[in-house]
Amino acid sequence: MLDIIKKSIYLGLGAATLTKERIESLVDELIERGKLAKDDKPKAVQDILDKIEKEEKEIKTKIDDTVTEAMNKTGIVAKSEYDALLKRVEELEKKNSNEWF
């Protein structure tokens, strides 16, 4: 679990610093070194951006799953579940108070 959290933090930091402009700059360096054809630049940039987005989504899913699992194991109730129960209690209280009068 700690490893997933670390990866998500590193990915978040990496994604934050890897702006499109920075990626274009890195791709330009590859072109200058002859590692990539100039015509391939738009596709290479988009591929990198797509990969970052995909990995970010995967990490977020893993974090959500891990947090949900931890909440279930410890008995912590999700806010949505709490709100649903609160609404139900309020409806029952209202119904019961109407029956008394």
PDB file of N, CA and C in Angstrom:
ATOM      1  N   MET A   1       0.827  -1.193   0.000  1.00  0.00           N
ATOM      2  CA  MET A   1       0.000   0.000   0.000  1.00  0.00           C
ATOM      3  C   MET A   1       0.871   1.257   0.000  1.00  0.00           C
ATOM      4  N   LEU A   2       1.891   1.245   0.832  1.00  0.00           N
ATOM      5  CA  LEU A   2       2.791   2.380   0.893  1.00  0.00           C
ATOM      6  C   LEU A   2       3.464   2.601  -0.450  1.00  0.00           C
ATOM      7  N   ASP A   3       3.796   1.501  -1.131  1.00  0.00           N
ATOM      8  CA  ASP A   3       4.424   1.592  -2.445  1.00  0.00           C
ATOM      9  C   ASP A   3       3.497   2.289  -3.438  1.00  0.00           C
ATOM     10  N   ILE A   4       2.214   1.953  -3.404  1.00  0.00           N
ATOM     11  CA  ILE A   4       1.241   2.590  -4.305  1.00  0.00           C
ATOM     12  C   ILE A   4       1.153   4.084  -4.019  1.00  0.00           C
ATOM     13  N   ILE A   5       1.137   4.434  -2.743  1.00  0.00           N
ATOM     14  CA  ILE A   5       1.065   5.852  -2.371  1.00  0.00           C
ATOM     15  C   ILE A   5       2.314   6.587  -2.854  1.00  0.00           C
ATOM     16  N   LYS A   6       3.472   5.967  -2.665  1.00  0.00           N
ATOM     17  CA  LYS A   6       4.711   6.590  -3.135  1.00  0.00           C
ATOM     18  C   LYS A   6       4.685   6.793  -4.650  1.00  0.00           C
ATOM     19  N   LYS A   7       4.261   5.741  -5.367  1.00  0.00           N
ATOM     20  CA  LYS A   7       4.207   5.854  -6.825  1.00  0.00           C
ATOM     21  C   LYS A   7       3.257   6.959  -7.253  1.00  0.00           C
ATOM     22  N   SER A   8       2.138   7.074  -6.567  1.00  0.00           N
ATOM     23  CA  SER A   8       1.176   8.106  -6.951  1.00  0.00           C
ATOM     24  C   SER A   8       1.741   9.498  -6.705  1.00  0.00           C
ATOM     25  N   ILE A   9       2.452   9.636  -5.619  1.00  0.00           N
ATOM     26  CA  ILE A   9       3.066  10.938  -5.330  1.00  0.00           C
ATOM     27  C   ILE A   9       4.122  11.267  -6.379  1.00  0.00           C
ATOM     28  N   TYR A  10       4.965  10.298  -6.686  1.00  0.00           N
ATOM     29  CA  TYR A  10       6.004  10.521  -7.691  1.00  0.00           C
ATOM     30  C   TYR A  10       5.397  10.805  -9.049  1.00  0.00           C
ATOM     31  N   LEU A  11       4.345  10.059  -9.402  1.00  0.00           N
ATOM     32  CA  LEU A  11       3.691  10.284 -10.688  1.00  0.00           C
ATOM     33  C   LEU A  11       3.063  11.670 -10.723  1.00  0.00           C
ATOM     34  N   GLY A  12       2.412  12.039  -9.640  1.00  0.00           N
ATOM     35  CA  GLY A  12       1.805  13.367  -9.574  1.00  0.00           C
ATOM     36  C   GLY A  12       2.837  14.463  -9.723  1.00  0.00           C
ATOM     37  N   LEU A  13       3.946  14.297  -9.058  1.00  0.00           N
ATOM     38  CA  LEU A  13       5.024  15.276  -9.178  1.00  0.00           C
ATOM     39  C   LEU A  13       5.587  15.286 -10.586  1.00  0.00           C
ATOM     40  N   GLY A  14       5.761  14.104 -11.146  1.00  0.00           N
ATOM     41  CA  GLY A  14       6.291  14.003 -12.499  1.00  0.00           C
ATOM     42  C   GLY A  14       5.348  14.597 -13.519  1.00  0.00           C
ATOM     43  N   ALA A  15       4.065  14.300 -13.386  1.00  0.00           N
ATOM     44  CA  ALA A  15       3.077  14.827 -14.320  1.00  0.00           C
ATOM     45  C   ALA A  15       2.977  16.339 -14.201  1.00  0.00           C
ATOM     46  N   ALA A  16       3.117  16.835 -13.000  1.00  0.00           N
ATOM     47  CA  ALA A  16       3.019  18.274 -12.796  1.00  0.00           C
ATOM     48  C   ALA A  16       4.184  19.004 -13.456  1.00  0.00           C
ATOM     49  N   THR A  17       5.360  18.368 -13.448  1.00  0.00           N
ATOM     50  CA  THR A  17       6.523  19.027 -14.032  1.00  0.00           C
ATOM     51  C   THR A  17       6.641  18.748 -15.528  1.00  0.00           C
ATOM     52  N   LEU A  18       6.002  17.685 -16.008  1.00  0.00           N
ATOM     53  CA  LEU A  18       6.076  17.359 -17.422  1.00  0.00           C
ATOM     54  C   LEU A  18       4.911  18.012 -18.176  1.00  0.00           C
ATOM     55  N   THR A  19       5.025  19.281 -18.348  1.00  0.00           N
ATOM     56  CA  THR A  19       4.023  19.985 -19.128  1.00  0.00           C
ATOM     57  C   THR A  19       4.218  19.651 -20.602  1.00  0.00           C
ATOM     58  N   LYS A  20       3.240  19.995 -21.391  1.00  0.00           N
ATOM     59  CA  LYS A  20       3.350  19.729 -22.826  1.00  0.00           C
ATOM     60  C   LYS A  20       4.595  20.405 -23.403  1.00  0.00           C
ATOM     61  N   GLU A  21       4.870  21.610 -22.945  1.00  0.00           N
ATOM     62  CA  GLU A  21       6.036  22.331 -23.451  1.00  0.00           C
ATOM     63  C   GLU A  21       7.328  21.608 -23.096  1.00  0.00           C
ATOM     64  N   ARG A  22       7.368  21.064 -21.876  1.00  0.00           N
ATOM     65  CA  ARG A  22       8.568  20.344 -21.439  1.00  0.00           C
ATOM     66  C   ARG A  22       8.737  19.053 -22.252  1.00  0.00           C
ATOM     67  N   ILE A  23       7.634  18.384 -22.498  1.00  0.00           N
ATOM     68  CA  ILE A  23       7.687  17.163 -23.302  1.00  0.00           C
ATOM     69  C   ILE A  23       8.168  17.493 -24.709  1.00  0.00           C
ATOM     70  N   GLU A  24       7.646  18.570 -25.280  1.00  0.00           N
ATOM     71  CA  GLU A  24       8.088  18.980 -26.618  1.00  0.00           C
ATOM     72  C   GLU A  24       9.582  19.269 -26.623  1.00  0.00           C
ATOM     73  N   SER A  25      10.049  19.883 -25.565  1.00  0.00           N
ATOM     74  CA  SER A  25      11.473  20.178 -25.459  1.00  0.00           C
ATOM     75  C   SER A  25      12.303  18.895 -25.403  1.00  0.00           C
ATOM     76  N   LEU A  26      11.841  17.920 -24.639  1.00  0.00           N
ATOM     77  CA  LEU A  26      12.545  16.645 -24.555  1.00  0.00           C
ATOM     78  C   LEU A  26      12.538  15.922 -25.902  1.00  0.00           C
ATOM     79  N   VAL A  27      11.412  15.978 -26.601  1.00  0.00           N
ATOM     80  CA  VAL A  27      11.319  15.355 -27.922  1.00  0.00           C
ATOM     81  C   VAL A  27      12.245  16.077 -28.897  1.00  0.00           C
ATOM     82  N   ASP A  28      12.330  17.405 -28.793  1.00  0.00           N
ATOM     83  CA  ASP A  28      13.251  18.167 -29.641  1.00  0.00           C
ATOM     84  C   ASP A  28      14.691  17.702 -29.424  1.00  0.00           C
ATOM     85  N   GLU A  29      15.033  17.416 -28.168  1.00  0.00           N
ATOM     86  CA  GLU A  29      16.376  16.917 -27.874  1.00  0.00           C
ATOM     87  C   GLU A  29      16.618  15.566 -28.551  1.00  0.00           C
ATOM     88  N   LEU A  30      15.606  14.720 -28.542  1.00  0.00           N
ATOM     89  CA  LEU A  30      15.732  13.420 -29.211  1.00  0.00           C
ATOM     90  C   LEU A  30      15.917  13.604 -30.719  1.00  0.00           C
ATOM     91  N   ILE A  31      15.223  14.589 -31.270  1.00  0.00           N
ATOM     92  CA  ILE A  31      15.353  14.875 -32.701  1.00  0.00           C
ATOM     93  C   ILE A  31      16.765  15.367 -33.008  1.00  0.00           C
ATOM     94  N   GLU A  32      17.266  16.267 -32.158  1.00  0.00           N
ATOM     95  CA  GLU A  32      18.620  16.794 -32.357  1.00  0.00           C
ATOM     96  C   GLU A  32      19.675  15.691 -32.271  1.00  0.00           C
ATOM     97  N   ARG A  33      19.451  14.714 -31.428  1.00  0.00           N
ATOM     98  CA  ARG A  33      20.403  13.610 -31.263  1.00  0.00           C
ATOM     99  C   ARG A  33      20.236  12.546 -32.345  1.00  0.00           C
ATOM    100  N   GLY A  34      19.242  12.733 -33.187  1.00  0.00           N
ATOM    101  CA  GLY A  34      19.012  11.768 -34.260  1.00  0.00           C
ATOM    102  C   GLY A  34      18.289  10.504 -33.802  1.00  0.00           C
ATOM    103  N   LYS A  35      17.695  10.549 -32.651  1.00  0.00           N
ATOM    104  CA  LYS A  35      16.983   9.386 -32.107  1.00  0.00           C
ATOM    105  C   LYS A  35      15.530   9.342 -32.573  1.00  0.00           C
ATOM    106  N   LEU A  36      15.073  10.450 -33.157  1.00  0.00           N
ATOM    107  CA  LEU A  36      13.679  10.540 -33.577  1.00  0.00           C
ATOM    108  C   LEU A  36      13.593  11.435 -34.802  1.00  0.00           C
ATOM    109  N   ALA A  37      12.750  11.061 -35.745  1.00  0.00           N
ATOM    110  CA  ALA A  37      12.566  11.885 -36.944  1.00  0.00           C
ATOM    111  C   ALA A  37      11.692  13.091 -36.603  1.00  0.00           C
ATOM    112  N   LYS A  38      11.996  14.208 -37.233  1.00  0.00           N
ATOM    113  CA  LYS A  38      11.252  15.438 -36.966  1.00  0.00           C
ATOM    114  C   LYS A  38       9.759  15.268 -37.264  1.00  0.00           C
ATOM    115  N   ASP A  39       9.428  14.486 -38.290  1.00  0.00           N
ATOM    116  CA  ASP A  39       8.029  14.262 -38.644  1.00  0.00           C
ATOM    117  C   ASP A  39       7.275  13.489 -37.563  1.00  0.00           C
ATOM    118  N   ASP A  40       8.002  12.777 -36.716  1.00  0.00           N
ATOM    119  CA  ASP A  40       7.378  11.970 -35.668  1.00  0.00           C
ATOM    120  C   ASP A  40       7.108  12.749 -34.385  1.00  0.00           C
ATOM    121  N   LYS A  41       7.505  14.017 -34.354  1.00  0.00           N
ATOM    122  CA  LYS A  41       7.384  14.809 -33.125  1.00  0.00           C
ATOM    123  C   LYS A  41       5.951  14.885 -32.603  1.00  0.00           C
ATOM    124  N   PRO A  42       4.957  15.278 -33.421  1.00  0.00           N
ATOM    125  CA  PRO A  42       3.589  15.397 -32.867  1.00  0.00           C
ATOM    126  C   PRO A  42       3.078  14.083 -32.271  1.00  0.00           C
ATOM    127  N   LYS A  43       3.342  12.990 -32.958  1.00  0.00           N
ATOM    128  CA  LYS A  43       2.887  11.686 -32.462  1.00  0.00           C
ATOM    129  C   LYS A  43       3.624  11.311 -31.177  1.00  0.00           C
ATOM    130  N   ALA A  44       4.916  11.561 -31.123  1.00  0.00           N
ATOM    131  CA  ALA A  44       5.704  11.226 -29.933  1.00  0.00           C
ATOM    132  C   ALA A  44       5.211  12.021 -28.723  1.00  0.00           C
ATOM    133  N   VAL A  45       4.966  13.310 -28.926  1.00  0.00           N
ATOM    134  CA  VAL A  45       4.474  14.154 -27.835  1.00  0.00           C
ATOM    135  C   VAL A  45       3.118  13.638 -27.357  1.00  0.00           C
ATOM    136  N   GLN A  46       2.233  13.364 -28.292  1.00  0.00           N
ATOM    137  CA  GLN A  46       0.897  12.890 -27.921  1.00  0.00           C
ATOM    138  C   GLN A  46       0.958  11.533 -27.235  1.00  0.00           C
ATOM    139  N   ASP A  47       1.832  10.657 -27.713  1.00  0.00           N
ATOM    140  CA  ASP A  47       1.990   9.338 -27.084  1.00  0.00           C
ATOM    141  C   ASP A  47       2.432   9.471 -25.627  1.00  0.00           C
ATOM    142  N   ILE A  48       3.359  10.376 -25.385  1.00  0.00           N
ATOM    143  CA  ILE A  48       3.846  10.595 -24.013  1.00  0.00           C
ATOM    144  C   ILE A  48       2.725  11.153 -23.139  1.00  0.00           C
ATOM    145  N   LEU A  49       2.011  12.139 -23.658  1.00  0.00           N
ATOM    146  CA  LEU A  49       0.895  12.714 -22.898  1.00  0.00           C
ATOM    147  C   LEU A  49      -0.172  11.664 -22.599  1.00  0.00           C
ATOM    148  N   ASP A  50      -0.468  10.828 -23.590  1.00  0.00           N
ATOM    149  CA  ASP A  50      -1.462   9.767 -23.404  1.00  0.00           C
ATOM    150  C   ASP A  50      -1.008   8.770 -22.337  1.00  0.00           C
ATOM    151  N   LYS A  51       0.276   8.432 -22.368  1.00  0.00           N
ATOM    152  CA  LYS A  51       0.803   7.476 -21.394  1.00  0.00           C
ATOM    153  C   LYS A  51       0.743   8.058 -19.985  1.00  0.00           C
ATOM    154  N   ILE A  52       1.085   9.312 -19.843  1.00  0.00           N
ATOM    155  CA  ILE A  52       1.015   9.961 -18.530  1.00  0.00           C
ATOM    156  C   ILE A  52      -0.423   9.946 -18.023  1.00  0.00           C
ATOM    157  N   GLU A  53      -1.363  10.284 -18.896  1.00  0.00           N
ATOM    158  CA  GLU A  53      -2.772  10.305 -18.501  1.00  0.00           C
ATOM    159  C   GLU A  53      -3.248   8.908 -18.102  1.00  0.00           C
ATOM    160  N   LYS A  54      -2.872   7.903 -18.880  1.00  0.00           N
ATOM    161  CA  LYS A  54      -3.277   6.519 -18.586  1.00  0.00           C
ATOM    162  C   LYS A  54      -2.715   6.067 -17.243  1.00  0.00           C
ATOM    163  N   GLU A  55      -1.437   6.312 -17.022  1.00  0.00           N
ATOM    164  CA  GLU A  55      -0.810   5.896 -15.768  1.00  0.00           C
ATOM    165  C   GLU A  55      -1.411   6.637 -14.584  1.00  0.00           C
ATOM    166  N   GLU A  56      -1.723   7.900 -14.781  1.00  0.00           N
ATOM    167  CA  GLU A  56      -2.344   8.685 -13.715  1.00  0.00           C
ATOM    168  C   GLU A  56      -3.708   8.100 -13.343  1.00  0.00           C
ATOM    169  N   LYS A  57      -4.499   7.724 -14.344  1.00  0.00           N
ATOM    170  CA  LYS A  57      -5.808   7.121 -14.084  1.00  0.00           C
ATOM    171  C   LYS A  57      -5.660   5.788 -13.358  1.00  0.00           C
ATOM    172  N   GLU A  58      -4.682   4.988 -13.776  1.00  0.00           N
ATOM    173  CA  GLU A  58      -4.451   3.689 -13.133  1.00  0.00           C
ATOM    174  C   GLU A  58      -4.059   3.864 -11.668  1.00  0.00           C
ATOM    175  N   ILE A  59      -3.198   4.816 -11.401  1.00  0.00           N
ATOM    176  CA  ILE A  59      -2.772   5.075 -10.025  1.00  0.00           C
ATOM    177  C   ILE A  59      -3.954   5.558  -9.197  1.00  0.00           C
ATOM    178  N   LYS A  60      -4.765   6.448  -9.749  1.00  0.00           N
ATOM    179  CA  LYS A  60      -5.934   6.941  -9.014  1.00  0.00           C
ATOM    180  C   LYS A  60      -6.889   5.795  -8.695  1.00  0.00           C
ATOM    181  N   THR A  61      -7.077   4.897  -9.641  1.00  0.00           N
ATOM    182  CA  THR A  61      -7.955   3.742  -9.416  1.00  0.00           C
ATOM    183  C   THR A  61      -7.390   2.864  -8.306  1.00  0.00           C
ATOM    184  N   LYS A  62      -6.090   2.615  -8.348  1.00  0.00           N
ATOM    185  CA  LYS A  62      -5.458   1.795  -7.317  1.00  0.00           C
ATOM    186  C   LYS A  62      -5.582   2.454  -5.945  1.00  0.00           C
ATOM    187  N   ILE A  63      -5.401   3.745  -5.897  1.00  0.00           N
ATOM    188  CA  ILE A  63      -5.523   4.466  -4.628  1.00  0.00           C
ATOM    189  C   ILE A  63      -6.955   4.378  -4.121  1.00  0.00           C
ATOM    190  N   ASP A  64      -7.926   4.626  -4.997  1.00  0.00           N
ATOM    191  CA  ASP A  64      -9.332   4.535  -4.596  1.00  0.00           C
ATOM    192  C   ASP A  64      -9.663   3.147  -4.068  1.00  0.00           C
ATOM    193  N   ASP A  65      -9.214   2.131  -4.774  1.00  0.00           N
ATOM    194  CA  ASP A  65      -9.474   0.748  -4.348  1.00  0.00           C
ATOM    195  C   ASP A  65      -8.829   0.459  -2.995  1.00  0.00           C
ATOM    196  N   THR A  66      -7.607   0.915  -2.826  1.00  0.00           N
ATOM    197  CA  THR A  66      -6.888   0.681  -1.577  1.00  0.00           C
ATOM    198  C   THR A  66      -7.555   1.399  -0.411  1.00  0.00           C
ATOM    199  N   VAL A  67      -7.954   2.629  -0.633  1.00  0.00           N
ATOM    200  CA  VAL A  67      -8.618   3.396   0.421  1.00  0.00           C
ATOM    201  C   VAL A  67      -9.964   2.754   0.774  1.00  0.00           C
ATOM    202  N   THR A  68     -10.723   2.361  -0.235  1.00  0.00           N
ATOM    203  CA  THR A  68     -12.012   1.711   0.003  1.00  0.00           C
ATOM    204  C   THR A  68     -11.825   0.423   0.800  1.00  0.00           C
ATOM    205  N   GLU A  69     -10.832  -0.368   0.397  1.00  0.00           N
ATOM    206  CA  GLU A  69     -10.545  -1.614   1.113  1.00  0.00           C
ATOM    207  C   GLU A  69     -10.163  -1.335   2.563  1.00  0.00           C
ATOM    208  N   ALA A  70      -9.323  -0.327   2.785  1.00  0.00           N
ATOM    209  CA  ALA A  70      -8.909   0.026   4.141  1.00  0.00           C
ATOM    210  C   ALA A  70     -10.098   0.506   4.963  1.00  0.00           C
ATOM    211  N   MET A  71     -10.970   1.287   4.344  1.00  0.00           N
ATOM    212  CA  MET A  71     -12.163   1.767   5.050  1.00  0.00           C
ATOM    213  C   MET A  71     -13.063   0.594   5.434  1.00  0.00           C
ATOM    214  N   ASN A  72     -13.229  -0.336   4.525  1.00  0.00           N
ATOM    215  CA  ASN A  72     -14.066  -1.503   4.812  1.00  0.00           C
ATOM    216  C   ASN A  72     -13.475  -2.348   5.944  1.00  0.00           C
ATOM    217  N   LYS A  73     -12.166  -2.518   5.933  1.00  0.00           N
ATOM    218  CA  LYS A  73     -11.512  -3.326   6.957  1.00  0.00           C
ATOM    219  C   LYS A  73     -11.602  -2.675   8.332  1.00  0.00           C
ATOM    220  N   THR A  74     -11.535  -1.375   8.367  1.00  0.00           N
ATOM    221  CA  THR A  74     -11.546  -0.670   9.654  1.00  0.00           C
ATOM    222  C   THR A  74     -12.951  -0.276  10.093  1.00  0.00           C
ATOM    223  N   GLY A  75     -13.926  -0.464   9.216  1.00  0.00           N
ATOM    224  CA  GLY A  75     -15.306  -0.140   9.573  1.00  0.00           C
ATOM    225  C   GLY A  75     -15.662   1.319   9.388  1.00  0.00           C
ATOM    226  N   ILE A  76     -14.844   2.049   8.687  1.00  0.00           N
ATOM    227  CA  ILE A  76     -15.147   3.456   8.426  1.00  0.00           C
ATOM    228  C   ILE A  76     -16.227   3.533   7.357  1.00  0.00           C
ATOM    229  N   VAL A  77     -17.209   4.363   7.605  1.00  0.00           N
ATOM    230  CA  VAL A  77     -18.328   4.503   6.678  1.00  0.00           C
ATOM    231  C   VAL A  77     -18.027   5.641   5.699  1.00  0.00           C
ATOM    232  N   ALA A  78     -18.332   5.397   4.440  1.00  0.00           N
ATOM    233  CA  ALA A  78     -18.153   6.437   3.419  1.00  0.00           C
ATOM    234  C   ALA A  78     -19.168   7.552   3.640  1.00  0.00           C
ATOM    235  N   LYS A  79     -18.832   8.750   3.253  1.00  0.00           N
ATOM    236  CA  LYS A  79     -19.729   9.892   3.422  1.00  0.00           C
ATOM    237  C   LYS A  79     -21.056   9.654   2.720  1.00  0.00           C
ATOM    238  N   SER A  80     -21.014   9.075   1.535  1.00  0.00           N
ATOM    239  CA  SER A  80     -22.259   8.824   0.798  1.00  0.00           C
ATOM    240  C   SER A  80     -23.159   7.855   1.573  1.00  0.00           C
ATOM    241  N   GLU A  81     -22.563   6.843   2.207  1.00  0.00           N
ATOM    242  CA  GLU A  81     -23.352   5.909   3.013  1.00  0.00           C
ATOM    243  C   GLU A  81     -23.920   6.602   4.243  1.00  0.00           C
ATOM    244  N   TYR A  82     -23.102   7.439   4.868  1.00  0.00           N
ATOM    245  CA  TYR A  82     -23.543   8.201   6.042  1.00  0.00           C
ATOM    246  C   TYR A  82     -24.697   9.121   5.671  1.00  0.00           C
ATOM    247  N   ASP A  83     -24.554   9.824   4.558  1.00  0.00           N
ATOM    248  CA  ASP A  83     -25.615  10.741   4.124  1.00  0.00           C
ATOM    249  C   ASP A  83     -26.914   9.995   3.837  1.00  0.00           C
ATOM    250  N   ALA A  84     -26.813   8.826   3.227  1.00  0.00           N
ATOM    251  CA  ALA A  84     -28.005   8.027   2.927  1.00  0.00           C
ATOM    252  C   ALA A  84     -28.690   7.584   4.220  1.00  0.00           C
ATOM    253  N   LEU A  85     -27.908   7.162   5.197  1.00  0.00           N
ATOM    254  CA  LEU A  85     -28.480   6.757   6.484  1.00  0.00           C
ATOM    255  C   LEU A  85     -29.103   7.944   7.217  1.00  0.00           C
ATOM    256  N   LEU A  86     -28.444   9.065   7.167  1.00  0.00           N
ATOM    257  CA  LEU A  86     -28.968  10.271   7.811  1.00  0.00           C
ATOM    258  C   LEU A  86     -30.306  10.666   7.199  1.00  0.00           C
ATOM    259  N   LYS A  87     -30.384  10.618   5.892  1.00  0.00           N
ATOM    260  CA  LYS A  87     -31.635  10.938   5.206  1.00  0.00           C
ATOM    261  C   LYS A  87     -32.740   9.969   5.621  1.00  0.00           C
ATOM    262  N   ARG A  88     -32.388   8.701   5.699  1.00  0.00           N
ATOM    263  CA  ARG A  88     -33.376   7.687   6.089  1.00  0.00           C
ATOM    264  C   ARG A  88     -33.868   7.915   7.512  1.00  0.00           C
ATOM    265  N   VAL A  89     -32.962   8.231   8.419  1.00  0.00           N
ATOM    266  CA  VAL A  89     -33.343   8.507   9.818  1.00  0.00           C
ATOM    267  C   VAL A  89     -34.258   9.723   9.881  1.00  0.00           C
ATOM    268  N   GLU A  90     -33.901  10.775   9.130  1.00  0.00           N
ATOM    269  CA  GLU A  90     -34.733  11.981   9.129  1.00  0.00           C
ATOM    270  C   GLU A  90     -36.131  11.683   8.598  1.00  0.00           C
ATOM    271  N   GLU A  91     -36.213  10.860   7.563  1.00  0.00           N
ATOM    272  CA  GLU A  91     -37.526  10.492   7.016  1.00  0.00           C
ATOM    273  C   GLU A  91     -38.330   9.682   8.022  1.00  0.00           C
ATOM    274  N   LEU A  92     -37.676   8.762   8.720  1.00  0.00           N
ATOM    275  CA  LEU A  92     -38.366   7.970   9.734  1.00  0.00           C
ATOM    276  C   LEU A  92     -38.825   8.837  10.907  1.00  0.00           C
ATOM    277  N   GLU A  93     -37.980   9.780  11.313  1.00  0.00           N
ATOM    278  CA  GLU A  93     -38.360  10.689  12.392  1.00  0.00           C
ATOM    279  C   GLU A  93     -39.568  11.530  11.988  1.00  0.00           C
ATOM    280  N   LYS A  94     -39.547  12.009  10.761  1.00  0.00           N
ATOM    281  CA  LYS A  94     -40.662  12.817  10.278  1.00  0.00           C
ATOM    282  C   LYS A  94     -41.947  11.970  10.235  1.00  0.00           C
ATOM    283  N   LYS A  95     -41.818  10.761   9.751  1.00  0.00           N
ATOM    284  CA  LYS A  95     -42.966   9.864   9.673  1.00  0.00           C
ATOM    285  C   LYS A  95     -43.518   9.565  11.071  1.00  0.00           C
ATOM    286  N   ASN A  96     -42.628   9.283  12.013  1.00  0.00           N
ATOM    287  CA  ASN A  96     -43.046   8.989  13.382  1.00  0.00           C
ATOM    288  C   ASN A  96     -43.659  10.192  14.079  1.00  0.00           C
ATOM    289  N   SER A  97     -43.132  11.374  13.812  1.00  0.00           N
ATOM    290  CA  SER A  97     -43.674  12.567  14.469  1.00  0.00           C
ATOM    291  C   SER A  97     -45.071  12.874  13.919  1.00  0.00           C
ATOM    292  N   ASN A  98     -45.333  12.548  12.681  1.00  0.00           N
ATOM    293  CA  ASN A  98     -46.656  12.756  12.087  1.00  0.00           C
ATOM    294  C   ASN A  98     -47.665  11.765  12.649  1.00  0.00           C
ATOM    295  N   GLU A  99     -47.229  10.588  13.032  1.00  0.00           N
ATOM    296  CA  GLU A  99     -48.136   9.583  13.574  1.00  0.00           C
ATOM    297  C   GLU A  99     -48.594   9.934  14.980  1.00  0.00           C
ATOM    298  N   TRP A 100     -47.837  10.724  15.699  1.00  0.00           N
ATOM    299  CA  TRP A 100     -48.193  11.083  17.064  1.00  0.00           C
ATOM    300  C   TRP A 100     -49.257  12.182  17.112  1.00  0.00           C
ATOM    301  N   PHE A 101     -49.388  12.919  16.053  1.00  0.00           N
ATOM    302  CA  PHE A 101     -50.343  14.037  16.079  1.00  0.00           C
ATOM    303  C   PHE A 101     -51.449  13.839  15.135  1.00  0.00           C
TER     304      PHE A 101
END
